[in-house]
């Protein structure tokens, strides 16, 4: 995953989630709904955006890494 210097809004993160939701594990849906119900730091929003970015195109081993990181983030907010 590449890092970029852009700051992403919560709305941008939500749009990215919605575009990738069919590729994500079903168990993440409730966690994402809880995530979007709260305010988050810019750093966290950027991280989640980049974990979701091109998720559908990632090889399965990279998806597993992204899933692990997403679960860590989503369960700890």
C-alpha atoms as a PDB file:
ATOM      1  CA  UNK A   1       0.000   0.000   0.000  1.00  0.00           C
ATOM      2  CA  UNK A   2       1.295   3.398  -0.850  1.00  0.00           C
ATOM      3  CA  UNK A   3       1.159   6.288   1.533  1.00  0.00           C
ATOM      4  CA  UNK A   4       0.042   9.689   0.382  1.00  0.00           C
ATOM      5  CA  UNK A   5       0.057  13.102   1.967  1.00  0.00           C
ATOM      6  CA  UNK A   6      -3.632  13.838   1.395  1.00  0.00           C
ATOM      7  CA  UNK A   7      -5.976  14.113   4.336  1.00  0.00           C
ATOM      8  CA  UNK A   8      -9.240  12.275   3.842  1.00  0.00           C
ATOM      9  CA  UNK A   9     -12.535  13.359   5.358  1.00  0.00           C
ATOM     10  CA  UNK A  10     -14.862  10.976   7.152  1.00  0.00           C
ATOM     11  CA  UNK A  11     -17.203  11.273   4.168  1.00  0.00           C
ATOM     12  CA  UNK A  12     -14.416  10.207   1.784  1.00  0.00           C
ATOM     13  CA  UNK A  13     -13.609   7.232   4.007  1.00  0.00           C
ATOM     14  CA  UNK A  14     -17.291   6.285   4.111  1.00  0.00           C
ATOM     15  CA  UNK A  15     -17.549   6.517   0.316  1.00  0.00           C
ATOM     16  CA  UNK A  16     -14.453   4.348  -0.050  1.00  0.00           C
ATOM     17  CA  UNK A  17     -15.929   1.815   2.379  1.00  0.00           C
ATOM     18  CA  UNK A  18     -19.202   1.749   0.429  1.00  0.00           C
ATOM     19  CA  UNK A  19     -17.330   1.129  -2.820  1.00  0.00           C
ATOM     20  CA  UNK A  20     -15.442  -1.807  -1.269  1.00  0.00           C
ATOM     21  CA  UNK A  21     -18.108  -3.233   1.053  1.00  0.00           C
ATOM     22  CA  UNK A  22     -18.909  -6.210  -1.210  1.00  0.00           C
ATOM     23  CA  UNK A  23     -15.261  -7.315  -1.079  1.00  0.00           C
ATOM     24  CA  UNK A  24     -14.862  -6.990   2.699  1.00  0.00           C
ATOM     25  CA  UNK A  25     -15.718  -9.726   5.217  1.00  0.00           C
ATOM     26  CA  UNK A  26     -19.380  -9.477   6.269  1.00  0.00           C
ATOM     27  CA  UNK A  27     -18.371  -9.347   9.937  1.00  0.00           C
ATOM     28  CA  UNK A  28     -16.854  -5.898   9.357  1.00  0.00           C
ATOM     29  CA  UNK A  29     -20.159  -4.238   8.451  1.00  0.00           C
ATOM     30  CA  UNK A  30     -21.313  -3.600  12.022  1.00  0.00           C
ATOM     31  CA  UNK A  31     -17.833  -2.479  13.035  1.00  0.00           C
ATOM     32  CA  UNK A  32     -17.755   0.062  10.215  1.00  0.00           C
ATOM     33  CA  UNK A  33     -21.219   1.368  11.145  1.00  0.00           C
ATOM     34  CA  UNK A  34     -19.967   1.904  14.701  1.00  0.00           C
ATOM     35  CA  UNK A  35     -16.807   3.528  13.347  1.00  0.00           C
ATOM     36  CA  UNK A  36     -18.746   6.034  11.230  1.00  0.00           C
ATOM     37  CA  UNK A  37     -20.979   6.960  14.176  1.00  0.00           C
ATOM     38  CA  UNK A  38     -17.990   8.588  15.927  1.00  0.00           C
ATOM     39  CA  UNK A  39     -15.443  11.317  15.256  1.00  0.00           C
ATOM     40  CA  UNK A  40     -11.865  10.210  14.553  1.00  0.00           C
ATOM     41  CA  UNK A  41      -8.410  11.702  14.260  1.00  0.00           C
ATOM     42  CA  UNK A  42      -7.119  12.655  10.845  1.00  0.00           C
ATOM     43  CA  UNK A  43      -4.408  10.028  11.164  1.00  0.00           C
ATOM     44  CA  UNK A  44      -6.953   7.274  11.776  1.00  0.00           C
ATOM     45  CA  UNK A  45      -9.188   8.404   8.912  1.00  0.00           C
ATOM     46  CA  UNK A  46      -6.207   8.389   6.552  1.00  0.00           C
ATOM     47  CA  UNK A  47      -5.141   4.933   7.702  1.00  0.00           C
ATOM     48  CA  UNK A  48      -8.600   3.417   7.196  1.00  0.00           C
ATOM     49  CA  UNK A  49      -8.922   5.089   3.796  1.00  0.00           C
ATOM     50  CA  UNK A  50      -5.638   3.583   2.628  1.00  0.00           C
ATOM     51  CA  UNK A  51      -6.502   0.146   3.982  1.00  0.00           C
ATOM     52  CA  UNK A  52      -9.700   0.290   1.913  1.00  0.00           C
ATOM     53  CA  UNK A  53      -8.119   1.827  -1.182  1.00  0.00           C
ATOM     54  CA  UNK A  54      -7.985  -0.750  -4.000  1.00  0.00           C
ATOM     55  CA  UNK A  55      -8.873  -3.475  -1.498  1.00  0.00           C
ATOM     56  CA  UNK A  56     -10.687  -5.377  -4.240  1.00  0.00           C
ATOM     57  CA  UNK A  57      -7.505  -5.546  -6.329  1.00  0.00           C
ATOM     58  CA  UNK A  58      -5.176  -6.682  -3.541  1.00  0.00           C
ATOM     59  CA  UNK A  59      -3.796 -10.230  -3.554  1.00  0.00           C
ATOM     60  CA  UNK A  60      -5.298 -12.510  -0.896  1.00  0.00           C
ATOM     61  CA  UNK A  61      -2.255 -12.344   1.400  1.00  0.00           C
ATOM     62  CA  UNK A  62      -2.391  -8.544   1.344  1.00  0.00           C
ATOM     63  CA  UNK A  63      -6.158  -8.630   1.984  1.00  0.00           C
ATOM     64  CA  UNK A  64      -5.485 -10.755   5.061  1.00  0.00           C
ATOM     65  CA  UNK A  65      -2.983  -8.176   6.329  1.00  0.00           C
ATOM     66  CA  UNK A  66      -5.431  -5.352   5.652  1.00  0.00           C
ATOM     67  CA  UNK A  67      -8.243  -7.270   7.359  1.00  0.00           C
ATOM     68  CA  UNK A  68      -6.099  -7.808  10.441  1.00  0.00           C
ATOM     69  CA  UNK A  69      -5.232  -4.123  10.620  1.00  0.00           C
ATOM     70  CA  UNK A  70      -8.835  -3.052   9.984  1.00  0.00           C
ATOM     71  CA  UNK A  71     -10.082  -5.336  12.757  1.00  0.00           C
ATOM     72  CA  UNK A  72      -7.495  -3.873  15.135  1.00  0.00           C
ATOM     73  CA  UNK A  73      -8.552  -0.326  14.283  1.00  0.00           C
ATOM     74  CA  UNK A  74     -12.315  -0.941  14.219  1.00  0.00           C
ATOM     75  CA  UNK A  75     -12.439  -2.898  17.470  1.00  0.00           C
ATOM     76  CA  UNK A  76     -10.374  -0.337  19.379  1.00  0.00           C
ATOM     77  CA  UNK A  77     -12.269   2.864  18.580  1.00  0.00           C
END
